[in-house]
Amino acid sequence: MPQFDFLAEHRELTRRFFLKAGVLGFASTSFATPLSAAESPAPEKPVKRDKAGAYPEPYFTASEQFRDVSRGKPVPHSLPDEKKREVGLTRETWQLEVLADPDHPAKLGKPLTKKDGNALNFEALLKLGEQHAVRFPKVMTCLNLGCPLGMGLWEGVPLRDVIWLTQPRENLRRVFYDGYHNDDPKQLFRSSLPIGRVLEDPFDLPPVILCYKVNGDWLDAERGGPVRIVVPEAYGFKSIKWLTHVFLTNLAAANDTYAEQNNDVDSPLKTFAASLVVPREVKAGEAITVSGYAQVGISGLSKVQVAIESNAEPSPDNDPYYTKMAWTDAQLLPAPTSWTGLPNGKIPADTHGFNAAGVPNSWPLRLTNAHWAAVLPGLPAGEYTFRCRSVDEKPQAQPMPRPFRKSGHATIESVVITVKD
C-alpha cells in the first residue's frame, strides 16, 4: 500500500492549509479508522524533511510503494529471472499474440501469432511508440476497496494501433485480453472491452494503452511489466498485468474473470471522499481539524463536504444517504508545487491533462486523487459522529449515482469523536 508517499504528500498539503487557517496543534490528530481492516492505512511512519524543513510532495507513487493485489501461485512477478525469460516476462523475450477468438472469430487479414513469426515484440512496440506513445495520470484502485493502490503517470501505445496491424475486416464487437498465469488454466485472469471504447476515446478520455512505463521508468514485473493493459477510466481488474494475448471476437458479452465473482465489470471509476486524519478526542470548544482525500471518478469532483452530529440526538428517519445532515464545504487543496517521483520533477511534454508548461489544465484532474481539509467549530462535551462525502460535477452527492458496492466504493464512512471538558 502506498501509504508512505501518499500520507507524506497529504501531511504537507494539509500542514500549509491549517497554518494559513491559523489553527495550531493540528499535528496531534490521529488517523481515522476506515470501514474495514482490509482498507486500513498503515501506521504513520516518520517522513524526512528536506533542507528547507518541508515534507516531500510525492503526487506520483514510487513503483515499489504501490499496494500489490496481484494474483497467482506463485505470483508471476516473484518468478526467478531465468523463468521470466523463459515465459516472456522480460523486455527481451516478451511477445504479444493478437488473434481472432477461436469460438467467435472476428475476420482478420493478418493475425499476429508466434506460429507465423509475426507476434509483436517489445522492440516493435517501442517503434510504434515513437509515433503514437501517450501518457496520462491515473489512480490505480480496486473495485471493492476504498483505498487507492497508487498513483501513476502511465505511458504506452494505444491498443487500437496494434489492433489495426491485424487488418480487422468484420464481426469485431469486443476485445478479450489476458496475461501470464503460470500455464495453469485455473489461474487465468482476463478482462475485456467493447471495440468501440478501444477504437475511440469518449469524453476527452485518454486511450486504452499497452503500457510499458510508469513515472518515466520501465514497468517492473511487480507493476505488470514488461507490458500491461491500462484502461484510464476503469478499476484495476481491467488493466491486466503481464499481457500475453489479445483476442478479437464477435461475442458481444464480457468474459471478465471479475464478472464470474459477482462484480459489475462495466462501471467506471466512481467519485468518493474518505478521511485520513480525524481526532479521536478533542477539548470542548476547541476547533476540530479534519482532512482526507477524494478519488476523482469519471464524473469529476466539484467539492467535498463534511458534517458532524451529536450522538445524543436521534437521526432522521428514512435518510440512509444522510441527505438531511448539515453538510458544509471542505477546502479542496491545490495541485502540488513540484512533481516528486518523476524525472527532474517535471511533467513530460504532451501529457494528457497538462499544458505545455506542465501545469494541470484543470484541478482536480479526473481519474486521479485530490486532497481536502476543513476546520470545524468547537463543540460542547459529548460524543459525535463525523462524516464526509464527495459531490461530483453533475452534481451528485456520494453515495449516488451508484450506491452499490459492486459498482465501486460508495459508502459514507462514520468516525466517532469524543469531546471532553
Protein backbone atom coordinates (compact mmCIF):
# COMPACT_ATOMS: atom_id res chain seq x y z
CA MET A 1 0.00 0.00 0.00
CA PRO A 2 1.45 3.40 -0.98
CA GLN A 3 0.90 4.99 2.40
CA PHE A 4 4.42 6.33 2.97
CA ASP A 5 4.37 8.60 -0.09
CA PHE A 6 0.64 9.30 -0.08
CA LEU A 7 0.48 10.31 3.58
CA ALA A 8 3.66 12.37 3.28
CA GLU A 9 2.01 14.36 0.50
CA HIS A 10 -1.20 14.67 2.46
CA ARG A 11 0.57 15.83 5.60
CA GLU A 12 2.47 18.58 3.76
CA LEU A 13 -0.56 19.89 1.88
CA THR A 14 -2.75 19.98 4.99
CA ARG A 15 0.06 21.49 7.08
CA ARG A 16 0.02 24.55 4.85
CA PHE A 17 -3.76 24.76 4.89
CA PHE A 18 -4.08 24.62 8.68
CA LEU A 19 -1.22 27.09 9.20
CA LYS A 20 -2.92 29.56 6.85
CA ALA A 21 -6.16 28.98 8.74
CA GLY A 22 -4.37 29.91 11.96
CA VAL A 23 -5.01 26.55 13.62
CA LEU A 24 -2.34 25.30 16.00
CA GLY A 25 -1.80 21.77 17.24
CA PHE A 26 -3.30 20.04 14.21
CA ALA A 27 -0.35 17.66 14.05
CA SER A 28 -1.62 15.85 17.13
CA THR A 29 -4.62 14.43 15.26
CA SER A 30 -4.66 10.70 14.56
CA PHE A 31 -5.66 8.63 11.56
CA ALA A 32 -9.32 7.72 11.32
CA THR A 33 -10.23 4.05 11.11
CA PRO A 34 -11.58 3.26 7.62
CA LEU A 35 -14.52 0.98 7.05
CA SER A 36 -12.74 -2.34 7.18
CA ALA A 37 -9.44 -3.78 8.25
CA ALA A 38 -8.66 -4.54 4.62
CA GLU A 39 -8.80 -0.80 3.88
CA SER A 40 -6.95 0.42 6.97
CA PRO A 41 -3.91 2.62 6.29
CA ALA A 42 -0.60 1.60 7.77
CA PRO A 43 0.50 3.47 10.90
CA GLU A 44 2.12 6.80 10.20
CA LYS A 45 5.84 6.49 9.53
CA PRO A 46 8.37 9.24 10.14
CA VAL A 47 8.94 11.25 6.97
CA LYS A 48 12.22 13.03 6.39
CA ARG A 49 12.04 16.75 5.70
CA ASP A 50 14.13 18.41 3.01
CA LYS A 51 16.82 21.01 3.75
CA ALA A 52 14.21 23.77 3.89
CA GLY A 53 12.27 21.86 6.54
CA ALA A 54 9.37 20.89 4.29
CA TYR A 55 7.93 17.46 3.71
CA PRO A 56 8.13 15.94 0.20
CA GLU A 57 5.13 16.05 -2.12
CA PRO A 58 5.14 12.73 -3.99
CA TYR A 59 1.93 13.09 -6.01
CA PHE A 60 3.02 10.06 -8.05
CA THR A 61 3.62 6.84 -6.16
CA ALA A 62 7.04 5.25 -6.44
CA SER A 63 6.76 1.86 -8.14
CA GLU A 64 7.85 -0.04 -5.03
CA GLN A 65 5.30 1.86 -2.91
CA PHE A 66 2.22 0.67 -4.80
CA ARG A 67 -0.06 -1.64 -2.88
CA ASP A 68 0.11 -5.02 -4.57
CA VAL A 69 -3.00 -7.18 -5.06
CA SER A 70 -1.54 -9.41 -7.79
CA ARG A 71 -2.94 -12.89 -8.29
CA GLY A 72 -1.19 -16.19 -8.94
CA LYS A 73 0.52 -19.11 -7.22
CA PRO A 74 3.30 -18.19 -7.50
CA VAL A 75 2.65 -14.54 -8.30
CA PRO A 76 4.28 -14.04 -11.73
CA HIS A 77 6.46 -11.14 -10.61
CA SER A 78 8.07 -13.40 -8.00
CA LEU A 79 9.35 -15.93 -10.56
CA PRO A 80 13.13 -16.36 -10.87
CA ASP A 81 14.74 -14.30 -13.63
CA GLU A 82 15.51 -17.40 -15.68
CA LYS A 83 11.84 -18.45 -15.60
CA LYS A 84 10.74 -14.93 -16.52
CA ARG A 85 12.96 -15.03 -19.59
CA GLU A 86 11.62 -18.46 -20.50
CA VAL A 87 7.95 -17.43 -20.38
CA GLY A 88 8.37 -13.98 -21.95
CA LEU A 89 8.22 -11.77 -18.87
CA THR A 90 11.30 -9.72 -19.78
CA ARG A 91 11.62 -6.93 -22.33
CA GLU A 92 14.00 -9.09 -24.37
CA THR A 93 11.68 -12.10 -24.58
CA TRP A 94 8.16 -10.59 -24.43
CA GLN A 95 5.80 -11.32 -27.30
CA LEU A 96 2.13 -10.49 -27.75
CA GLU A 97 -0.25 -12.54 -29.87
CA VAL A 98 -3.24 -10.68 -31.33
CA LEU A 99 -5.62 -13.10 -32.99
CA ALA A 100 -9.23 -14.00 -33.59
CA ASP A 101 -11.25 -15.57 -30.79
CA PRO A 102 -11.39 -19.27 -31.77
CA ASP A 103 -15.02 -19.64 -30.61
CA HIS A 104 -16.48 -16.41 -32.00
CA PRO A 105 -13.88 -15.19 -34.50
CA ALA A 106 -13.59 -11.74 -35.95
CA LYS A 107 -12.34 -11.72 -39.53
CA LEU A 108 -8.71 -10.63 -39.63
CA GLY A 109 -6.39 -10.20 -42.57
CA LYS A 110 -3.17 -10.63 -40.63
CA PRO A 111 -3.27 -12.06 -37.08
CA LEU A 112 -0.11 -11.56 -35.01
CA THR A 113 0.98 -15.01 -33.86
CA LYS A 114 4.09 -16.80 -32.69
CA LYS A 115 3.33 -19.59 -35.15
CA ASP A 116 3.56 -17.18 -38.09
CA GLY A 117 6.60 -15.47 -36.61
CA ASN A 118 4.96 -12.03 -36.51
CA ALA A 119 3.87 -11.73 -32.86
CA LEU A 120 4.52 -8.23 -31.55
CA ASN A 121 7.78 -7.95 -29.60
CA PHE A 122 8.99 -5.21 -27.31
CA GLU A 123 11.24 -3.60 -29.90
CA ALA A 124 8.34 -3.33 -32.35
CA LEU A 125 6.10 -1.88 -29.63
CA LEU A 126 8.66 0.84 -28.87
CA LYS A 127 8.90 1.56 -32.59
CA LEU A 128 5.17 2.23 -32.61
CA GLY A 129 5.70 4.38 -29.55
CA GLU A 130 7.99 6.71 -31.46
CA GLN A 131 4.92 7.95 -33.34
CA HIS A 132 1.96 7.07 -31.15
CA ALA A 133 3.03 6.99 -27.47
CA VAL A 134 0.73 8.67 -24.95
CA ARG A 135 0.98 9.29 -21.22
CA PHE A 136 -1.61 10.21 -18.62
CA PRO A 137 -2.05 10.29 -14.83
CA LYS A 138 -4.33 7.67 -13.33
CA VAL A 139 -5.02 6.33 -9.86
CA MET A 140 -4.93 2.54 -9.78
CA THR A 141 -7.70 1.40 -7.49
CA CYS A 142 -9.72 -1.74 -6.78
CA LEU A 143 -13.47 -2.02 -7.39
CA ASN A 144 -14.15 -3.37 -3.90
CA LEU A 145 -11.64 -1.35 -1.84
CA GLY A 146 -11.88 2.23 -0.69
CA CYS A 147 -8.15 2.92 -0.56
CA PRO A 148 -6.03 3.70 -3.66
CA LEU A 149 -3.33 1.24 -4.69
CA GLY A 150 -1.16 4.04 -6.07
CA MET A 151 -0.99 6.95 -8.50
CA GLY A 152 0.99 6.60 -11.69
CA LEU A 153 1.91 8.51 -14.82
CA TRP A 154 1.37 5.68 -17.30
CA GLU A 155 2.92 5.59 -20.77
CA GLY A 156 2.39 3.32 -23.74
CA VAL A 157 0.93 2.76 -27.19
CA PRO A 158 -2.83 2.88 -27.84
CA LEU A 159 -4.20 -0.64 -28.09
CA ARG A 160 -6.07 0.34 -31.26
CA ASP A 161 -2.80 0.94 -33.11
CA VAL A 162 -1.82 -2.68 -32.52
CA ILE A 163 -5.29 -3.99 -33.41
CA TRP A 164 -5.14 -2.20 -36.76
CA LEU A 165 -1.98 -4.18 -37.56
CA THR A 166 -4.14 -7.33 -37.74
CA GLN A 167 -6.24 -5.82 -40.57
CA PRO A 168 -9.68 -6.46 -38.99
CA ARG A 169 -12.49 -6.70 -41.55
CA GLU A 170 -15.78 -7.58 -39.86
CA ASN A 171 -17.50 -9.36 -36.98
CA LEU A 172 -15.46 -7.46 -34.41
CA ARG A 173 -17.51 -6.41 -31.39
CA ARG A 174 -15.29 -6.95 -28.36
CA VAL A 175 -11.67 -7.30 -27.29
CA PHE A 176 -10.66 -10.02 -24.80
CA TYR A 177 -7.19 -9.99 -23.23
CA ASP A 178 -5.29 -11.92 -20.59
CA GLY A 179 -1.86 -12.18 -19.01
CA TYR A 180 0.63 -14.83 -18.00
CA HIS A 181 -0.87 -17.23 -15.45
CA ASN A 182 1.74 -19.93 -14.78
CA ASP A 183 0.39 -22.07 -17.66
CA ASP A 184 -2.47 -23.05 -15.34
CA PRO A 185 -5.99 -22.55 -16.79
CA LYS A 186 -7.42 -22.29 -13.28
CA GLN A 187 -5.26 -19.20 -12.64
CA LEU A 188 -6.27 -17.43 -15.85
CA PHE A 189 -7.26 -13.81 -15.16
CA ARG A 190 -8.81 -11.99 -18.09
CA SER A 191 -10.79 -8.89 -18.93
CA SER A 192 -12.50 -7.32 -21.93
CA LEU A 193 -13.70 -4.10 -23.54
CA PRO A 194 -16.18 -3.23 -26.28
CA ILE A 195 -14.33 -2.50 -29.50
CA GLY A 196 -15.89 0.97 -29.61
CA ARG A 197 -14.03 2.01 -26.44
CA VAL A 198 -10.75 0.75 -27.83
CA LEU A 199 -11.06 2.48 -31.20
CA GLU A 200 -12.42 5.79 -29.87
CA ASP A 201 -11.87 7.91 -26.75
CA PRO A 202 -15.14 9.39 -25.45
CA PHE A 203 -15.47 12.47 -23.24
CA ASP A 204 -11.83 13.53 -23.68
CA LEU A 205 -10.53 10.35 -22.08
CA PRO A 206 -7.02 9.09 -22.88
CA PRO A 207 -6.82 5.92 -24.97
CA VAL A 208 -6.57 2.37 -23.66
CA ILE A 209 -2.85 1.56 -23.87
CA LEU A 210 -0.31 -1.21 -23.99
CA CYS A 211 1.69 0.25 -21.11
CA TYR A 212 5.47 -0.16 -20.74
CA LYS A 213 6.42 2.77 -18.49
CA VAL A 214 5.21 4.28 -15.22
CA ASN A 215 6.54 7.59 -13.84
CA GLY A 216 9.14 7.66 -16.61
CA ASP A 217 10.69 4.28 -15.76
CA TRP A 218 10.26 0.88 -17.39
CA LEU A 219 7.36 -1.04 -15.94
CA ASP A 220 8.83 -3.57 -13.50
CA ALA A 221 7.46 -7.08 -13.02
CA GLU A 222 5.52 -6.22 -9.85
CA ARG A 223 3.66 -3.46 -11.69
CA GLY A 224 2.81 -5.87 -14.52
CA GLY A 225 5.84 -5.48 -16.77
CA PRO A 226 7.16 -5.75 -19.26
CA VAL A 227 3.76 -4.79 -20.75
CA ARG A 228 0.29 -4.48 -19.29
CA ILE A 229 -3.04 -3.01 -20.33
CA VAL A 230 -4.06 0.28 -18.70
CA VAL A 231 -7.67 1.42 -19.11
CA PRO A 232 -7.82 5.07 -17.95
CA GLU A 233 -11.36 5.22 -16.56
CA ALA A 234 -11.55 1.68 -15.21
CA TYR A 235 -10.81 -0.13 -11.97
CA GLY A 236 -7.63 -2.18 -11.70
CA PHE A 237 -9.10 -5.50 -12.86
CA LYS A 238 -9.46 -4.06 -16.38
CA SER A 239 -5.75 -3.21 -16.52
CA ILE A 240 -4.42 -6.76 -16.90
CA LYS A 241 -0.79 -7.34 -15.94
CA TRP A 242 1.87 -9.42 -17.78
CA LEU A 243 -0.05 -9.17 -21.05
CA THR A 244 0.37 -12.10 -23.43
CA HIS A 245 -2.80 -12.42 -25.57
CA VAL A 246 -5.42 -10.20 -27.17
CA PHE A 247 -8.41 -11.93 -28.80
CA LEU A 248 -10.71 -10.14 -31.23
CA THR A 249 -14.20 -11.53 -31.00
CA ASN A 250 -17.69 -11.29 -32.43
CA LEU A 251 -19.11 -12.05 -28.98
CA ALA A 252 -20.97 -9.07 -27.50
CA ALA A 253 -20.81 -10.08 -23.83
CA ALA A 254 -17.97 -9.55 -21.36
CA ASN A 255 -15.91 -12.58 -20.32
CA ASP A 256 -14.09 -10.88 -17.42
CA THR A 257 -12.91 -13.05 -14.54
CA TYR A 258 -14.37 -10.40 -12.22
CA ALA A 259 -17.81 -10.94 -13.75
CA GLU A 260 -17.71 -14.52 -12.50
CA GLN A 261 -17.16 -13.17 -8.98
CA ASN A 262 -20.40 -11.16 -8.76
CA ASN A 263 -18.97 -7.79 -9.75
CA ASP A 264 -20.16 -5.01 -12.04
CA VAL A 265 -17.48 -5.10 -14.74
CA ASP A 266 -18.67 -2.07 -16.73
CA SER A 267 -18.80 0.64 -14.06
CA PRO A 268 -16.02 3.24 -14.43
CA LEU A 269 -14.18 4.89 -11.55
CA LYS A 270 -16.56 6.42 -9.04
CA THR A 271 -16.03 9.72 -7.24
CA PHE A 272 -15.85 9.35 -3.46
CA ALA A 273 -14.28 11.01 -0.42
CA ALA A 274 -12.67 9.47 2.63
CA SER A 275 -10.97 10.82 5.75
CA LEU A 276 -7.32 10.32 6.60
CA VAL A 277 -6.83 12.49 9.69
CA VAL A 278 -9.59 12.95 12.27
CA PRO A 279 -9.08 13.50 16.03
CA ARG A 280 -10.48 10.82 18.32
CA GLU A 281 -10.68 13.20 21.26
CA VAL A 282 -10.77 17.00 21.49
CA LYS A 283 -11.41 19.50 24.24
CA ALA A 284 -14.75 21.27 24.48
CA GLY A 285 -14.75 24.46 22.45
CA GLU A 286 -11.55 23.52 20.61
CA ALA A 287 -11.52 23.78 16.80
CA ILE A 288 -11.64 20.35 15.11
CA THR A 289 -9.25 19.85 12.19
CA VAL A 290 -10.07 17.10 9.69
CA SER A 291 -8.62 16.11 6.34
CA GLY A 292 -8.66 13.35 3.75
CA TYR A 293 -8.61 12.55 0.07
CA ALA A 294 -11.07 12.13 -2.77
CA GLN A 295 -10.94 9.78 -5.70
CA VAL A 296 -11.96 11.82 -8.73
CA GLY A 297 -14.03 9.48 -10.85
CA ILE A 298 -15.44 9.67 -14.35
CA SER A 299 -17.96 12.35 -13.27
CA GLY A 300 -15.31 14.68 -11.85
CA LEU A 301 -15.31 16.35 -8.44
CA SER A 302 -16.91 19.69 -7.62
CA LYS A 303 -16.41 19.61 -3.84
CA VAL A 304 -16.03 17.59 -0.67
CA GLN A 305 -18.43 18.18 2.18
CA VAL A 306 -18.16 17.38 5.89
CA ALA A 307 -20.69 17.11 8.71
CA ILE A 308 -20.70 16.30 12.40
CA GLU A 309 -23.73 15.44 14.55
CA SER A 310 -24.32 14.69 18.19
CA ASN A 311 -24.91 11.04 19.00
CA ALA A 312 -27.33 12.20 21.71
CA GLU A 313 -29.76 13.43 19.06
CA PRO A 314 -31.90 10.92 17.13
CA SER A 315 -31.05 10.61 13.44
CA PRO A 316 -33.78 11.49 10.92
CA ASP A 317 -35.87 8.56 9.74
CA ASN A 318 -35.75 7.44 6.12
CA ASP A 319 -32.38 9.05 5.38
CA PRO A 320 -29.96 6.21 4.52
CA TYR A 321 -27.73 8.51 2.46
CA TYR A 322 -27.53 11.29 5.10
CA THR A 323 -29.08 13.88 2.79
CA LYS A 324 -30.62 15.74 5.75
CA MET A 325 -27.33 16.35 7.55
CA ALA A 326 -25.94 19.88 7.87
CA TRP A 327 -23.18 19.47 5.28
CA THR A 328 -20.55 22.19 4.86
CA ASP A 329 -17.91 22.53 2.16
CA ALA A 330 -14.35 21.48 2.88
CA GLN A 331 -11.39 23.06 1.10
CA LEU A 332 -10.01 21.20 -1.92
CA LEU A 333 -6.24 21.61 -1.72
CA PRO A 334 -4.25 22.82 -4.73
CA ALA A 335 -2.11 20.88 -7.15
CA PRO A 336 1.41 20.05 -5.96
CA THR A 337 4.06 22.70 -6.47
CA SER A 338 6.50 20.03 -7.62
CA TRP A 339 6.08 16.56 -9.11
CA THR A 340 8.37 14.44 -6.97
CA GLY A 341 8.76 10.93 -8.34
CA LEU A 342 9.16 11.97 -11.98
CA PRO A 343 12.46 12.54 -13.81
CA ASN A 344 13.64 16.08 -13.00
CA GLY A 345 10.42 16.57 -11.02
CA LYS A 346 8.62 17.78 -14.16
CA ILE A 347 5.58 16.67 -16.14
CA PRO A 348 6.78 15.48 -19.59
CA ALA A 349 5.59 17.34 -22.66
CA ASP A 350 2.33 16.20 -24.27
CA THR A 351 0.98 14.59 -21.09
CA HIS A 352 -2.79 14.27 -21.17
CA GLY A 353 -4.47 16.80 -18.86
CA PHE A 354 -1.49 19.21 -18.69
CA ASN A 355 -0.47 22.25 -20.74
CA ALA A 356 2.90 22.81 -22.39
CA ALA A 357 4.33 24.22 -19.15
CA GLY A 358 3.39 21.05 -17.21
CA VAL A 359 0.52 22.77 -15.37
CA PRO A 360 -2.83 20.93 -14.99
CA ASN A 361 -5.50 22.22 -17.39
CA SER A 362 -7.98 21.98 -14.52
CA TRP A 363 -7.93 20.83 -10.91
CA PRO A 364 -8.62 18.31 -9.62
CA LEU A 365 -7.87 16.05 -12.56
CA ARG A 366 -10.36 13.33 -13.34
CA LEU A 367 -9.24 9.73 -12.69
CA THR A 368 -6.75 10.84 -10.01
CA ASN A 369 -6.69 11.70 -6.29
CA ALA A 370 -7.22 15.07 -4.63
CA HIS A 371 -6.70 16.18 -1.02
CA TRP A 372 -9.11 18.14 1.17
CA ALA A 373 -9.14 19.72 4.64
CA ALA A 374 -11.58 21.55 6.90
CA VAL A 375 -11.72 23.29 10.27
CA LEU A 376 -14.91 22.62 12.24
CA PRO A 377 -16.00 24.88 15.12
CA GLY A 378 -15.61 23.72 18.72
CA LEU A 379 -18.42 21.74 20.33
CA PRO A 380 -19.80 21.12 23.83
CA ALA A 381 -18.74 17.95 25.66
CA GLY A 382 -20.32 14.79 24.32
CA GLU A 383 -19.96 12.10 21.68
CA TYR A 384 -20.30 12.97 18.00
CA THR A 385 -20.08 11.28 14.59
CA PHE A 386 -18.09 12.85 11.77
CA ARG A 387 -18.83 12.10 8.11
CA CYS A 388 -17.51 13.27 4.74
CA ARG A 389 -18.82 12.91 1.21
CA SER A 390 -17.94 13.90 -2.35
CA VAL A 391 -20.10 15.83 -4.79
CA ASP A 392 -19.32 15.21 -8.45
CA GLU A 393 -19.71 17.69 -11.30
CA LYS A 394 -23.29 16.64 -12.13
CA PRO A 395 -23.73 17.40 -9.13
CA GLN A 396 -24.47 14.07 -7.43
CA ALA A 397 -23.60 13.59 -3.76
CA GLN A 398 -21.99 10.36 -2.60
CA PRO A 399 -23.07 7.56 -2.48
CA MET A 400 -25.10 8.38 -5.61
CA PRO A 401 -25.30 7.87 -8.51
CA ARG A 402 -24.07 4.31 -7.92
CA PRO A 403 -24.69 3.39 -4.28
CA PHE A 404 -23.98 -0.31 -4.80
CA ARG A 405 -20.66 -1.72 -3.62
CA LYS A 406 -20.19 -3.97 -6.64
CA SER A 407 -20.15 -0.85 -8.83
CA GLY A 408 -17.34 0.85 -6.90
CA HIS A 409 -16.69 2.11 -3.38
CA ALA A 410 -19.58 4.34 -2.34
CA THR A 411 -20.06 4.13 1.43
CA ILE A 412 -20.09 7.30 3.53
CA GLU A 413 -17.78 6.48 6.41
CA SER A 414 -18.52 7.33 10.04
CA VAL A 415 -15.88 8.34 12.61
CA VAL A 416 -16.72 8.84 16.30
CA ILE A 417 -15.23 11.89 18.03
CA THR A 418 -15.34 12.36 21.78
CA VAL A 419 -15.42 15.97 23.04
CA LYS A 420 -14.25 16.27 26.65
CA ASP A 421 -14.45 19.12 29.17
